[in-house]
Amino acid sequence: MAVKIHTVKIAPKYLNAVVAGQKKAELRKNDRNYKTGDVLSLCEWKHGKFTGREWAAIITHVLPVNEIIANTDNWVVLSVRPLSPLEVLEYIISNGVSELLLSGVKYGR
């Protein structure tokens, strides 16, 4: 299974909660075919502009919302776990995801 990197926008308060380990899920439209094991590159946006702050999180589970709420096709709840810089390197080595190095993902900025 090929691991994909999904670059997505996120508001500062939600990014802070993900980084702190308090927010463990993302509700997203499934327009990217999210899979367990894929990586989210969470890009902080404030007042309609990218702040330059990014963080990586691995998708640990994908729950189609229509399994629990009718008429919600194409929406998913993604369980996520933030990755530390060391974990990102380990993940790259074990999964061959060299595009993480090329994507400009930064940690803790």
PDB file of N, CA and C in Angstrom:
ATOM      1  N   MET A   1       0.844  -1.184   0.000  1.00  0.00           N
ATOM      2  CA  MET A   1       0.000   0.000   0.000  1.00  0.00           C
ATOM      3  C   MET A   1       0.886   1.243   0.000  1.00  0.00           C
ATOM      4  N   ALA A   2       0.633   2.128  -0.950  1.00  0.00           N
ATOM      5  CA  ALA A   2       1.404   3.359  -1.034  1.00  0.00           C
ATOM      6  C   ALA A   2       0.849   4.385  -0.055  1.00  0.00           C
ATOM      7  N   VAL A   3       1.740   4.955   0.711  1.00  0.00           N
ATOM      8  CA  VAL A   3       1.353   5.989   1.670  1.00  0.00           C
ATOM      9  C   VAL A   3       1.294   7.324   0.937  1.00  0.00           C
ATOM     10  N   LYS A   4       0.234   8.084   1.185  1.00  0.00           N
ATOM     11  CA  LYS A   4       0.082   9.399   0.567  1.00  0.00           C
ATOM     12  C   LYS A   4       0.259  10.489   1.615  1.00  0.00           C
ATOM     13  N   ILE A   5       0.706  11.646   1.149  1.00  0.00           N
ATOM     14  CA  ILE A   5       0.792  12.840   1.976  1.00  0.00           C
ATOM     15  C   ILE A   5      -0.358  13.750   1.547  1.00  0.00           C
ATOM     16  N   HIS A   6      -1.202  14.134   2.475  1.00  0.00           N
ATOM     17  CA  HIS A   6      -2.334  15.019   2.191  1.00  0.00           C
ATOM     18  C   HIS A   6      -2.067  16.362   2.864  1.00  0.00           C
ATOM     19  N   THR A   7      -1.882  17.401   2.080  1.00  0.00           N
ATOM     20  CA  THR A   7      -1.667  18.741   2.620  1.00  0.00           C
ATOM     21  C   THR A   7      -3.028  19.403   2.797  1.00  0.00           C
ATOM     22  N   VAL A   8      -3.346  19.751   4.046  1.00  0.00           N
ATOM     23  CA  VAL A   8      -4.664  20.314   4.358  1.00  0.00           C
ATOM     24  C   VAL A   8      -4.516  21.562   5.226  1.00  0.00           C
ATOM     25  N   LYS A   9      -5.506  22.443   5.121  1.00  0.00           N
ATOM     26  CA  LYS A   9      -5.540  23.661   5.937  1.00  0.00           C
ATOM     27  C   LYS A   9      -6.128  23.342   7.308  1.00  0.00           C
ATOM     28  N   ILE A  10      -5.657  24.089   8.318  1.00  0.00           N
ATOM     29  CA  ILE A  10      -6.187  23.932   9.672  1.00  0.00           C
ATOM     30  C   ILE A  10      -6.056  25.269  10.410  1.00  0.00           C
ATOM     31  N   ALA A  11      -7.051  25.591  11.221  1.00  0.00           N
ATOM     32  CA  ALA A  11      -7.032  26.827  12.014  1.00  0.00           C
ATOM     33  C   ALA A  11      -6.052  26.687  13.181  1.00  0.00           C
ATOM     34  N   PRO A  12      -5.460  27.797  13.634  1.00  0.00           N
ATOM     35  CA  PRO A  12      -4.466  27.741  14.711  1.00  0.00           C
ATOM     36  C   PRO A  12      -4.928  26.998  15.960  1.00  0.00           C
ATOM     37  N   LYS A  13      -6.152  27.261  16.432  1.00  0.00           N
ATOM     38  CA  LYS A  13      -6.588  26.611  17.671  1.00  0.00           C
ATOM     39  C   LYS A  13      -6.689  25.101  17.505  1.00  0.00           C
ATOM     40  N   TYR A  14      -7.035  24.636  16.318  1.00  0.00           N
ATOM     41  CA  TYR A  14      -7.130  23.194  16.092  1.00  0.00           C
ATOM     42  C   TYR A  14      -5.745  22.571  15.919  1.00  0.00           C
ATOM     43  N   LEU A  15      -4.843  23.285  15.231  1.00  0.00           N
ATOM     44  CA  LEU A  15      -3.474  22.772  15.094  1.00  0.00           C
ATOM     45  C   LEU A  15      -2.818  22.667  16.465  1.00  0.00           C
ATOM     46  N   ASN A  16      -2.981  23.686  17.291  1.00  0.00           N
ATOM     47  CA  ASN A  16      -2.402  23.647  18.638  1.00  0.00           C
ATOM     48  C   ASN A  16      -2.921  22.453  19.424  1.00  0.00           C
ATOM     49  N   ALA A  17      -4.203  22.161  19.289  1.00  0.00           N
ATOM     50  CA  ALA A  17      -4.796  21.029  20.011  1.00  0.00           C
ATOM     51  C   ALA A  17      -4.275  19.693  19.485  1.00  0.00           C
ATOM     52  N   VAL A  18      -4.046  19.590  18.168  1.00  0.00           N
ATOM     53  CA  VAL A  18      -3.473  18.358  17.605  1.00  0.00           C
ATOM     54  C   VAL A  18      -2.057  18.163  18.129  1.00  0.00           C
ATOM     55  N   VAL A  19      -1.248  19.213  18.049  1.00  0.00           N
ATOM     56  CA  VAL A  19       0.153  19.136  18.487  1.00  0.00           C
ATOM     57  C   VAL A  19       0.240  18.761  19.963  1.00  0.00           C
ATOM     58  N   ALA A  20      -0.674  19.295  20.777  1.00  0.00           N
ATOM     59  CA  ALA A  20      -0.680  19.004  22.217  1.00  0.00           C
ATOM     60  C   ALA A  20      -1.238  17.618  22.532  1.00  0.00           C
ATOM     61  N   GLY A  21      -1.773  16.948  21.519  1.00  0.00           N
ATOM     62  CA  GLY A  21      -2.337  15.621  21.736  1.00  0.00           C
ATOM     63  C   GLY A  21      -3.754  15.643  22.281  1.00  0.00           C
ATOM     64  N   GLN A  22      -4.388  16.821  22.294  1.00  0.00           N
ATOM     65  CA  GLN A  22      -5.751  16.952  22.815  1.00  0.00           C
ATOM     66  C   GLN A  22      -6.807  16.667  21.749  1.00  0.00           C
ATOM     67  N   LYS A  23      -6.517  17.012  20.512  1.00  0.00           N
ATOM     68  CA  LYS A  23      -7.451  16.789  19.401  1.00  0.00           C
ATOM     69  C   LYS A  23      -6.954  15.579  18.627  1.00  0.00           C
ATOM     70  N   LYS A  24      -7.725  14.530  18.626  1.00  0.00           N
ATOM     71  CA  LYS A  24      -7.285  13.270  18.036  1.00  0.00           C
ATOM     72  C   LYS A  24      -8.095  12.864  16.816  1.00  0.00           C
ATOM     73  N   ALA A  25      -8.945  13.764  16.327  1.00  0.00           N
ATOM     74  CA  ALA A  25      -9.779  13.441  15.169  1.00  0.00           C
ATOM     75  C   ALA A  25      -9.990  14.672  14.301  1.00  0.00           C
ATOM     76  N   GLU A  26     -10.178  14.425  13.021  1.00  0.00           N
ATOM     77  CA  GLU A  26     -10.462  15.468  12.045  1.00  0.00           C
ATOM     78  C   GLU A  26     -11.689  15.053  11.252  1.00  0.00           C
ATOM     79  N   LEU A  27     -12.679  15.918  11.139  1.00  0.00           N
ATOM     80  CA  LEU A  27     -13.824  15.693  10.270  1.00  0.00           C
ATOM     81  C   LEU A  27     -13.484  16.330   8.930  1.00  0.00           C
ATOM     82  N   ARG A  28     -13.455  15.515   7.884  1.00  0.00           N
ATOM     83  CA  ARG A  28     -13.048  16.008   6.566  1.00  0.00           C
ATOM     84  C   ARG A  28     -13.933  15.433   5.471  1.00  0.00           C
ATOM     85  N   LYS A  29     -14.101  16.205   4.411  1.00  0.00           N
ATOM     86  CA  LYS A  29     -14.722  15.685   3.207  1.00  0.00           C
ATOM     87  C   LYS A  29     -13.721  14.702   2.606  1.00  0.00           C
ATOM     88  N   ASN A  30     -14.192  13.540   2.200  1.00  0.00           N
ATOM     89  CA  ASN A  30     -13.273  12.519   1.686  1.00  0.00           C
ATOM     90  C   ASN A  30     -13.050  12.693   0.187  1.00  0.00           C
ATOM     91  N   ASP A  31     -12.560  13.853  -0.186  1.00  0.00           N
ATOM     92  CA  ASP A  31     -12.267  14.140  -1.584  1.00  0.00           C
ATOM     93  C   ASP A  31     -10.840  13.744  -1.963  1.00  0.00           C
ATOM     94  N   ARG A  32     -10.117  13.119  -1.028  1.00  0.00           N
ATOM     95  CA  ARG A  32      -8.722  12.729  -1.261  1.00  0.00           C
ATOM     96  C   ARG A  32      -8.491  11.239  -1.072  1.00  0.00           C
ATOM     97  N   ASN A  33      -9.564  10.485  -0.808  1.00  0.00           N
ATOM     98  CA  ASN A  33      -9.454   9.039  -0.596  1.00  0.00           C
ATOM     99  C   ASN A  33      -8.481   8.718   0.541  1.00  0.00           C
ATOM    100  N   TYR A  34      -8.731   9.296   1.701  1.00  0.00           N
ATOM    101  CA  TYR A  34      -7.888   9.093   2.874  1.00  0.00           C
ATOM    102  C   TYR A  34      -7.838   7.615   3.251  1.00  0.00           C
ATOM    103  N   LYS A  35      -6.657   7.154   3.660  1.00  0.00           N
ATOM    104  CA  LYS A  35      -6.453   5.771   4.089  1.00  0.00           C
ATOM    105  C   LYS A  35      -5.664   5.746   5.397  1.00  0.00           C
ATOM    106  N   THR A  36      -5.905   4.708   6.190  1.00  0.00           N
ATOM    107  CA  THR A  36      -5.102   4.489   7.392  1.00  0.00           C
ATOM    108  C   THR A  36      -3.637   4.367   6.974  1.00  0.00           C
ATOM    109  N   GLY A  37      -2.758   5.054   7.704  1.00  0.00           N
ATOM    110  CA  GLY A  37      -1.333   5.034   7.391  1.00  0.00           C
ATOM    111  C   GLY A  37      -0.881   6.228   6.573  1.00  0.00           C
ATOM    112  N   ASP A  38      -1.821   6.928   5.922  1.00  0.00           N
ATOM    113  CA  ASP A  38      -1.462   8.143   5.202  1.00  0.00           C
ATOM    114  C   ASP A  38      -1.067   9.226   6.206  1.00  0.00           C
ATOM    115  N   VAL A  39      -0.408  10.253   5.707  1.00  0.00           N
ATOM    116  CA  VAL A  39       0.063  11.343   6.558  1.00  0.00           C
ATOM    117  C   VAL A  39      -0.663  12.632   6.179  1.00  0.00           C
ATOM    118  N   LEU A  40      -1.119  13.358   7.185  1.00  0.00           N
ATOM    119  CA  LEU A  40      -1.669  14.694   6.983  1.00  0.00           C
ATOM    120  C   LEU A  40      -0.562  15.705   7.242  1.00  0.00           C
ATOM    121  N   SER A  41      -0.342  16.586   6.294  1.00  0.00           N
ATOM    122  CA  SER A  41       0.523  17.736   6.509  1.00  0.00           C
ATOM    123  C   SER A  41      -0.426  18.878   6.856  1.00  0.00           C
ATOM    124  N   LEU A  42      -0.524  19.173   8.142  1.00  0.00           N
ATOM    125  CA  LEU A  42      -1.471  20.169   8.647  1.00  0.00           C
ATOM    126  C   LEU A  42      -0.847  21.558   8.533  1.00  0.00           C
ATOM    127  N   CYS A  43      -1.392  22.380   7.648  1.00  0.00           N
ATOM    128  CA  CYS A  43      -0.854  23.715   7.384  1.00  0.00           C
ATOM    129  C   CYS A  43      -1.751  24.761   8.039  1.00  0.00           C
ATOM    130  N   GLU A  44      -1.165  25.513   8.943  1.00  0.00           N
ATOM    131  CA  GLU A  44      -1.927  26.505   9.707  1.00  0.00           C
ATOM    132  C   GLU A  44      -2.287  27.714   8.838  1.00  0.00           C
ATOM    133  N   TRP A  45      -3.579  28.036   8.830  1.00  0.00           N
ATOM    134  CA  TRP A  45      -4.085  29.202   8.111  1.00  0.00           C
ATOM    135  C   TRP A  45      -4.794  30.115   9.097  1.00  0.00           C
ATOM    136  N   LYS A  46      -4.494  31.410   8.986  1.00  0.00           N
ATOM    137  CA  LYS A  46      -5.121  32.410   9.855  1.00  0.00           C
ATOM    138  C   LYS A  46      -5.469  33.624   8.998  1.00  0.00           C
ATOM    139  N   HIS A  47      -6.686  34.104   9.115  1.00  0.00           N
ATOM    140  CA  HIS A  47      -7.167  35.256   8.344  1.00  0.00           C
ATOM    141  C   HIS A  47      -6.949  35.058   6.843  1.00  0.00           C
ATOM    142  N   GLY A  48      -7.197  33.829   6.369  1.00  0.00           N
ATOM    143  CA  GLY A  48      -7.107  33.534   4.942  1.00  0.00           C
ATOM    144  C   GLY A  48      -5.707  33.391   4.388  1.00  0.00           C
ATOM    145  N   LYS A  49      -4.692  33.334   5.273  1.00  0.00           N
ATOM    146  CA  LYS A  49      -3.305  33.224   4.808  1.00  0.00           C
ATOM    147  C   LYS A  49      -2.575  32.115   5.549  1.00  0.00           C
ATOM    148  N   PHE A  50      -1.666  31.465   4.835  1.00  0.00           N
ATOM    149  CA  PHE A  50      -0.814  30.437   5.426  1.00  0.00           C
ATOM    150  C   PHE A  50       0.195  31.111   6.344  1.00  0.00           C
ATOM    151  N   THR A  51       0.295  30.630   7.588  1.00  0.00           N
ATOM    152  CA  THR A  51       1.190  31.255   8.568  1.00  0.00           C
ATOM    153  C   THR A  51       2.628  30.773   8.447  1.00  0.00           C
ATOM    154  N   GLY A  52       2.855  29.671   7.720  1.00  0.00           N
ATOM    155  CA  GLY A  52       4.182  29.080   7.623  1.00  0.00           C
ATOM    156  C   GLY A  52       4.378  27.930   8.593  1.00  0.00           C
ATOM    157  N   ARG A  53       3.430  27.730   9.472  1.00  0.00           N
ATOM    158  CA  ARG A  53       3.527  26.659  10.471  1.00  0.00           C
ATOM    159  C   ARG A  53       2.853  25.396   9.943  1.00  0.00           C
ATOM    160  N   GLU A  54       3.570  24.283  10.023  1.00  0.00           N
ATOM    161  CA  GLU A  54       3.051  22.991   9.585  1.00  0.00           C
ATOM    162  C   GLU A  54       3.372  21.931  10.621  1.00  0.00           C
ATOM    163  N   TRP A  55       2.590  20.881  10.615  1.00  0.00           N
ATOM    164  CA  TRP A  55       2.838  19.745  11.497  1.00  0.00           C
ATOM    165  C   TRP A  55       2.340  18.494  10.798  1.00  0.00           C
ATOM    166  N   ALA A  56       3.003  17.380  11.015  1.00  0.00           N
ATOM    167  CA  ALA A  56       2.584  16.114  10.405  1.00  0.00           C
ATOM    168  C   ALA A  56       1.830  15.265  11.419  1.00  0.00           C
ATOM    169  N   ALA A  57       0.829  14.548  10.920  1.00  0.00           N
ATOM    170  CA  ALA A  57       0.066  13.610  11.748  1.00  0.00           C
ATOM    171  C   ALA A  57      -0.266  12.395  10.893  1.00  0.00           C
ATOM    172  N   ILE A  58      -0.193  11.227  11.498  1.00  0.00           N
ATOM    173  CA  ILE A  58      -0.525   9.997  10.790  1.00  0.00           C
ATOM    174  C   ILE A  58      -2.004   9.687  10.998  1.00  0.00           C
ATOM    175  N   ILE A  59      -2.651   9.199   9.952  1.00  0.00           N
ATOM    176  CA  ILE A  59      -4.051   8.771  10.053  1.00  0.00           C
ATOM    177  C   ILE A  59      -4.056   7.356  10.611  1.00  0.00           C
ATOM    178  N   THR A  60      -4.666   7.184  11.776  1.00  0.00           N
ATOM    179  CA  THR A  60      -4.688   5.868  12.423  1.00  0.00           C
ATOM    180  C   THR A  60      -5.998   5.123  12.197  1.00  0.00           C
ATOM    181  N   HIS A  61      -7.039   5.841  11.754  1.00  0.00           N
ATOM    182  CA  HIS A  61      -8.334   5.196  11.489  1.00  0.00           C
ATOM    183  C   HIS A  61      -9.178   6.126  10.629  1.00  0.00           C
ATOM    184  N   VAL A  62      -9.959   5.542   9.730  1.00  0.00           N
ATOM    185  CA  VAL A  62     -10.879   6.310   8.889  1.00  0.00           C
ATOM    186  C   VAL A  62     -12.293   5.787   9.126  1.00  0.00           C
ATOM    187  N   LEU A  63     -13.182   6.649   9.614  1.00  0.00           N
ATOM    188  CA  LEU A  63     -14.575   6.278   9.862  1.00  0.00           C
ATOM    189  C   LEU A  63     -15.475   7.030   8.883  1.00  0.00           C
ATOM    190  N   PRO A  64     -16.098   6.321   7.935  1.00  0.00           N
ATOM    191  CA  PRO A  64     -17.064   6.983   7.056  1.00  0.00           C
ATOM    192  C   PRO A  64     -18.267   7.452   7.887  1.00  0.00           C
ATOM    193  N   VAL A  65     -18.568   8.733   7.829  1.00  0.00           N
ATOM    194  CA  VAL A  65     -19.636   9.297   8.651  1.00  0.00           C
ATOM    195  C   VAL A  65     -20.989   8.677   8.305  1.00  0.00           C
ATOM    196  N   ASN A  66     -21.185   8.271   7.043  1.00  0.00           N
ATOM    197  CA  ASN A  66     -22.480   7.698   6.661  1.00  0.00           C
ATOM    198  C   ASN A  66     -22.750   6.353   7.330  1.00  0.00           C
ATOM    199  N   GLU A  67     -21.758   5.783   8.004  1.00  0.00           N
ATOM    200  CA  GLU A  67     -21.989   4.560   8.776  1.00  0.00           C
ATOM    201  C   GLU A  67     -22.727   4.854  10.083  1.00  0.00           C
ATOM    202  N   ILE A  68     -22.718   6.118  10.506  1.00  0.00           N
ATOM    203  CA  ILE A  68     -23.389   6.466  11.765  1.00  0.00           C
ATOM    204  C   ILE A  68     -24.460   7.549  11.611  1.00  0.00           C
ATOM    205  N   ILE A  69     -24.385   8.328  10.526  1.00  0.00           N
ATOM    206  CA  ILE A  69     -25.370   9.383  10.276  1.00  0.00           C
ATOM    207  C   ILE A  69     -25.799   9.299   8.807  1.00  0.00           C
ATOM    208  N   ALA A  70     -27.086   9.180   8.576  1.00  0.00           N
ATOM    209  CA  ALA A  70     -27.601   9.067   7.210  1.00  0.00           C
ATOM    210  C   ALA A  70     -27.359  10.345   6.407  1.00  0.00           C
ATOM    211  N   ASN A  71     -27.268  10.182   5.100  1.00  0.00           N
ATOM    212  CA  ASN A  71     -27.145  11.296   4.147  1.00  0.00           C
ATOM    213  C   ASN A  71     -25.896  12.148   4.360  1.00  0.00           C
ATOM    214  N   THR A  72     -24.810  11.517   4.740  1.00  0.00           N
ATOM    215  CA  THR A  72     -23.539  12.238   4.927  1.00  0.00           C
ATOM    216  C   THR A  72     -22.447  11.605   4.075  1.00  0.00           C
ATOM    217  N   ASP A  73     -22.824  11.195   2.877  1.00  0.00           N
ATOM    218  CA  ASP A  73     -21.853  10.577   1.972  1.00  0.00           C
ATOM    219  C   ASP A  73     -20.651  11.490   1.761  1.00  0.00           C
ATOM    220  N   ASN A  74     -19.521  10.863   1.587  1.00  0.00           N
ATOM    221  CA  ASN A  74     -18.266  11.540   1.258  1.00  0.00           C
ATOM    222  C   ASN A  74     -17.661  12.350   2.406  1.00  0.00           C
ATOM    223  N   TRP A  75     -18.062  12.084   3.647  1.00  0.00           N
ATOM    224  CA  TRP A  75     -17.440  12.690   4.821  1.00  0.00           C
ATOM    225  C   TRP A  75     -16.847  11.585   5.685  1.00  0.00           C
ATOM    226  N   VAL A  76     -15.693  11.869   6.301  1.00  0.00           N
ATOM    227  CA  VAL A  76     -15.033  10.893   7.165  1.00  0.00           C
ATOM    228  C   VAL A  76     -14.533  11.569   8.430  1.00  0.00           C
ATOM    229  N   VAL A  77     -14.427  10.781   9.487  1.00  0.00           N
ATOM    230  CA  VAL A  77     -13.739  11.213  10.696  1.00  0.00           C
ATOM    231  C   VAL A  77     -12.398  10.499  10.677  1.00  0.00           C
ATOM    232  N   LEU A  78     -11.327  11.272  10.669  1.00  0.00           N
ATOM    233  CA  LEU A  78      -9.974  10.720  10.655  1.00  0.00           C
ATOM    234  C   LEU A  78      -9.418  10.747  12.070  1.00  0.00           C
ATOM    235  N   SER A  79      -9.079   9.591  12.600  1.00  0.00           N
ATOM    236  CA  SER A  79      -8.342   9.557  13.866  1.00  0.00           C
ATOM    237  C   SER A  79      -6.891   9.841  13.514  1.00  0.00           C
ATOM    238  N   VAL A  80      -6.260  10.759  14.251  1.00  0.00           N
ATOM    239  CA  VAL A  80      -4.894  11.169  13.918  1.00  0.00           C
ATOM    240  C   VAL A  80      -3.993  11.146  15.147  1.00  0.00           C
ATOM    241  N   ARG A  81      -2.709  10.970  14.867  1.00  0.00           N
ATOM    242  CA  ARG A  81      -1.691  11.037  15.916  1.00  0.00           C
ATOM    243  C   ARG A  81      -0.562  11.911  15.400  1.00  0.00           C
ATOM    244  N   PRO A  82      -0.239  13.006  16.107  1.00  0.00           N
ATOM    245  CA  PRO A  82       0.849  13.866  15.645  1.00  0.00           C
ATOM    246  C   PRO A  82       2.174  13.124  15.679  1.00  0.00           C
ATOM    247  N   LEU A  83       3.030  13.472  14.741  1.00  0.00           N
ATOM    248  CA  LEU A  83       4.347  12.849  14.655  1.00  0.00           C
ATOM    249  C   LEU A  83       5.424  13.837  15.081  1.00  0.00           C
ATOM    250  N   SER A  84       6.314  13.396  15.949  1.00  0.00           N
ATOM    251  CA  SER A  84       7.470  14.214  16.317  1.00  0.00           C
ATOM    252  C   SER A  84       8.457  14.175  15.148  1.00  0.00           C
ATOM    253  N   PRO A  85       9.432  15.085  15.107  1.00  0.00           N
ATOM    254  CA  PRO A  85      10.426  15.043  14.034  1.00  0.00           C
ATOM    255  C   PRO A  85      11.130  13.685  13.927  1.00  0.00           C
ATOM    256  N   LEU A  86      11.472  13.069  15.057  1.00  0.00           N
ATOM    257  CA  LEU A  86      12.119  11.755  15.027  1.00  0.00           C
ATOM    258  C   LEU A  86      11.181  10.704  14.451  1.00  0.00           C
ATOM    259  N   GLU A  87       9.910  10.753  14.839  1.00  0.00           N
ATOM    260  CA  GLU A  87       8.934   9.799  14.304  1.00  0.00           C
ATOM    261  C   GLU A  87       8.748   9.973  12.801  1.00  0.00           C
ATOM    262  N   VAL A  88       8.812  11.210  12.319  1.00  0.00           N
ATOM    263  CA  VAL A  88       8.698  11.450  10.879  1.00  0.00           C
ATOM    264  C   VAL A  88       9.846  10.765  10.153  1.00  0.00           C
ATOM    265  N   LEU A  89      11.062  10.928  10.661  1.00  0.00           N
ATOM    266  CA  LEU A  89      12.214  10.278  10.029  1.00  0.00           C
ATOM    267  C   LEU A  89      12.080   8.763  10.052  1.00  0.00           C
ATOM    268  N   GLU A  90      11.662   8.211  11.176  1.00  0.00           N
ATOM    269  CA  GLU A  90      11.465   6.762  11.269  1.00  0.00           C
ATOM    270  C   GLU A  90      10.385   6.300  10.302  1.00  0.00           C
ATOM    271  N   TYR A  91       9.322   7.071  10.182  1.00  0.00           N
ATOM    272  CA  TYR A  91       8.224   6.723   9.285  1.00  0.00           C
ATOM    273  C   TYR A  91       8.691   6.748   7.829  1.00  0.00           C
ATOM    274  N   ILE A  92       9.484   7.753   7.483  1.00  0.00           N
ATOM    275  CA  ILE A  92      10.025   7.861   6.128  1.00  0.00           C
ATOM    276  C   ILE A  92      10.881   6.644   5.804  1.00  0.00           C
ATOM    277  N   ILE A  93      11.756   6.281   6.732  1.00  0.00           N
ATOM    278  CA  ILE A  93      12.653   5.147   6.510  1.00  0.00           C
ATOM    279  C   ILE A  93      11.872   3.850   6.376  1.00  0.00           C
ATOM    280  N   SER A  94      10.904   3.628   7.256  1.00  0.00           N
ATOM    281  CA  SER A  94      10.184   2.352   7.245  1.00  0.00           C
ATOM    282  C   SER A  94       9.148   2.255   6.129  1.00  0.00           C
ATOM    283  N   ASN A  95       8.673   3.382   5.606  1.00  0.00           N
ATOM    284  CA  ASN A  95       7.634   3.356   4.574  1.00  0.00           C
ATOM    285  C   ASN A  95       8.089   3.908   3.228  1.00  0.00           C
ATOM    286  N   GLY A  96       9.328   4.362   3.145  1.00  0.00           N
ATOM    287  CA  GLY A  96       9.825   4.892   1.882  1.00  0.00           C
ATOM    288  C   GLY A  96       9.073   6.124   1.411  1.00  0.00           C
ATOM    289  N   VAL A  97       8.721   6.990   2.319  1.00  0.00           N
ATOM    290  CA  VAL A  97       7.935   8.173   1.980  1.00  0.00           C
ATOM    291  C   VAL A  97       8.871   9.366   1.841  1.00  0.00           C
ATOM    292  N   SER A  98       9.708   9.344   0.826  1.00  0.00           N
ATOM    293  CA  SER A  98      10.694  10.410   0.677  1.00  0.00           C
ATOM    294  C   SER A  98      10.057  11.753   0.355  1.00  0.00           C
ATOM    295  N   GLU A  99       8.817  11.754  -0.166  1.00  0.00           N
ATOM    296  CA  GLU A  99       8.184  13.032  -0.486  1.00  0.00           C
ATOM    297  C   GLU A  99       7.934  13.877   0.753  1.00  0.00           C
ATOM    298  N   LEU A 100       7.916  13.256   1.942  1.00  0.00           N
ATOM    299  CA  LEU A 100       7.796  14.050   3.170  1.00  0.00           C
ATOM    300  C   LEU A 100       8.987  14.985   3.304  1.00  0.00           C
ATOM    301  N   LEU A 101      10.150  14.502   2.924  1.00  0.00           N
ATOM    302  CA  LEU A 101      11.337  15.344   3.002  1.00  0.00           C
ATOM    303  C   LEU A 101      11.274  16.472   1.982  1.00  0.00           C
ATOM    304  N   LEU A 102      10.628  16.201   0.857  1.00  0.00           N
ATOM    305  CA  LEU A 102      10.575  17.181  -0.219  1.00  0.00           C
ATOM    306  C   LEU A 102       9.394  18.135  -0.095  1.00  0.00           C
ATOM    307  N   SER A 103       8.441  17.808   0.770  1.00  0.00           N
ATOM    308  CA  SER A 103       7.205  18.592   0.838  1.00  0.00           C
ATOM    309  C   SER A 103       7.357  19.879   1.632  1.00  0.00           C
ATOM    310  N   GLY A 104       8.452  20.022   2.371  1.00  0.00           N
ATOM    311  CA  GLY A 104       8.638  21.226   3.166  1.00  0.00           C
ATOM    312  C   GLY A 104       7.912  21.193   4.484  1.00  0.00           C
ATOM    313  N   VAL A 105       7.489  20.013   4.921  1.00  0.00           N
ATOM    314  CA  VAL A 105       6.799  19.907   6.206  1.00  0.00           C
ATOM    315  C   VAL A 105       7.762  20.307   7.308  1.00  0.00           C
ATOM    316  N   LYS A 106       7.320  21.216   8.155  1.00  0.00           N
ATOM    317  CA  LYS A 106       8.151  21.681   9.262  1.00  0.00           C
ATOM    318  C   LYS A 106       7.450  21.353  10.559  1.00  0.00           C
ATOM    319  N   TYR A 107       8.215  21.242  11.600  1.00  0.00           N
ATOM    320  CA  TYR A 107       7.658  20.777  12.859  1.00  0.00           C
ATOM    321  C   TYR A 107       7.936  21.775  13.956  1.00  0.00           C
ATOM    322  N   GLY A 108       6.867  22.170  14.651  1.00  0.00           N
ATOM    323  CA  GLY A 108       7.010  23.006  15.826  1.00  0.00           C
ATOM    324  C   GLY A 108       7.228  24.472  15.566  1.00  0.00           C
ATOM    325  N   ARG A 109       7.014  24.928  14.341  1.00  0.00           N
ATOM    326  CA  ARG A 109       7.169  26.356  14.042  1.00  0.00           C
ATOM    327  C   ARG A 109       5.899  27.085  14.287  1.00  0.00           C
TER     328      ARG A 109
END
